[in-house]
Amino acid sequence: MHDDRLFSPVSFSTLIARRGRGETYPVQMVEESLSRFNAVDETVCAFQFVDPDAVRAELLQRRAGPLEGIAIGIKDIFDTHDMPTEYGSAIYAGHRPKADSALVALCRRAGATILGKTVTTEFAFLTPARTRNPHDLERTPGGSSSGSAAAVACGMVPIAFGTQTGGSTIRPAAYCGVAGYKPSYRMLPVTGMKAFSTTLDTVGVFAAHVGDAASFMEKLTNRDLTHDGFKRKTVTVGYYRSAIDNQASQAMHKAVETAANALRRSGNEVIDLEEPGELSLAREAHTTIQNFEANQALAFEADNHRDLLSATLRETLEAGRAILPVDYDEARRIAKRGRDALRSVFQSCDVLLLPSAAGAAPSGLASTGDPLFNKLWTLMGTPAVNIPGLSDEHGLPLGVQMVGRFGNDRLTLNVATDLERLL
């Protein structure tokens, strides 16, 4: 049953503004996150590990920086030197790396406080973990970044990191009703992150709103990503139509149409775009690339700890092992042709609009949902944003997705921010 009592995301931008005005202080900000964690995590199960005493000790020795007072959730596939890093697998129970991943180190360098490690599915793949959707505890929060999406949705942290190999940032953000941002490929470092597919693995960010994600990323990376601050010329939005649209619910079709109409009313041009055949083929090639690379990335685990892998992962790794190098190489060529075709698509529009998922979060906890509407954009390496604000007839969140040209993250985030305000 739908229940909004757990859903209470906290705006990163609001926290930074309050800190700047002296209305709150870094210690108080982190204490508020710990308090919210203590109040709701037993119900939602978003975190794999939190040590409040260690958090407070780190906070007292924090570095000065733009992220002082910001508590961050880190998906438990990123190494942390002072917390267990278990990758969602019993194989690594209690594992303690010697060093932080590059991403964690950069956050700490900027003054952020790592509240803890968020729950991930097994090796960031399909087998669900224990996290529940804060809108309905009997529904999936999505995956594989289950804990990060739920932690932000419940207000335990204003920012959390996930990853996306198929749809592991955009889909859980949509299901949990928060902003999800998958940057252009390799904008954020993956050093010290447990790999699954080196061609696809991309770091993602969860926040209350799109503008929060942009502001946070600007402060972390020193890139110019936030809203223009003045009236930007209107843009051309491609309403992306593909053969998989028939797998989206009627409520999702209505949500995307609502978003398109909002963009039209604000003066933007919205044009229909039929998916080129090269991009349809690229979507199909995603699985070949992913499974071939996963077999290599998890060769040690498959050869030495097979019994501790889920049946789903064992079958996937066996399928990857059966893929011939010649077929993997052909899949990569198909992906390259897809990227070429996408460049042509962006000659007629600035951004694309499409569903973030097939619909609202499915009932039950036996699946994390389908990444069908996400995996092409992971393979293309393009920026993608889940824009929250819409819901179905039961009040469950429906996310619409905005996709931009590779490297044009600022425009993508800006238009997505505008659309979120319109919705």
Foldseek 3Di string as FASTA:
>chain_A
DFDCPQFDFDFLVVVLVCVVVVVDFLVRLLVVLVVLCVVPCVLFVFAPDFDVVVLNVCLVVADAASARNFEEEEALQWADQPAQRQQQFPVRVPPHDNHGFPQVVLCRNRGYTHRHHTAFHRNFDKFFDCGAASRDRQFQLFDRSRSQLSSRRSHSGQKYKDKDQQQHFLLSVQQNQWKKKFAFAPLDDCGRGQDQFVLFITMMMTGRALQSRQVVCCRSRVDPAHAPPDDDDAWEEEAEDEPCLVLADPQLVVVLVVLVVLSVVVPHHYDYDYDDPLLVLLLVLSLLRRLLRNLVSCVVCCVPPVVRDDPVVNVSSVVNVPDDPVSNVVSVVSLVVNLVVVVVVCVVTFKYKAWSASAHGDGHRRTSHDSSVGRSCSNSSWMKMWQWDDHGPVRGGTTMMMTGRRPPNRVRSNVSNVSSVSD
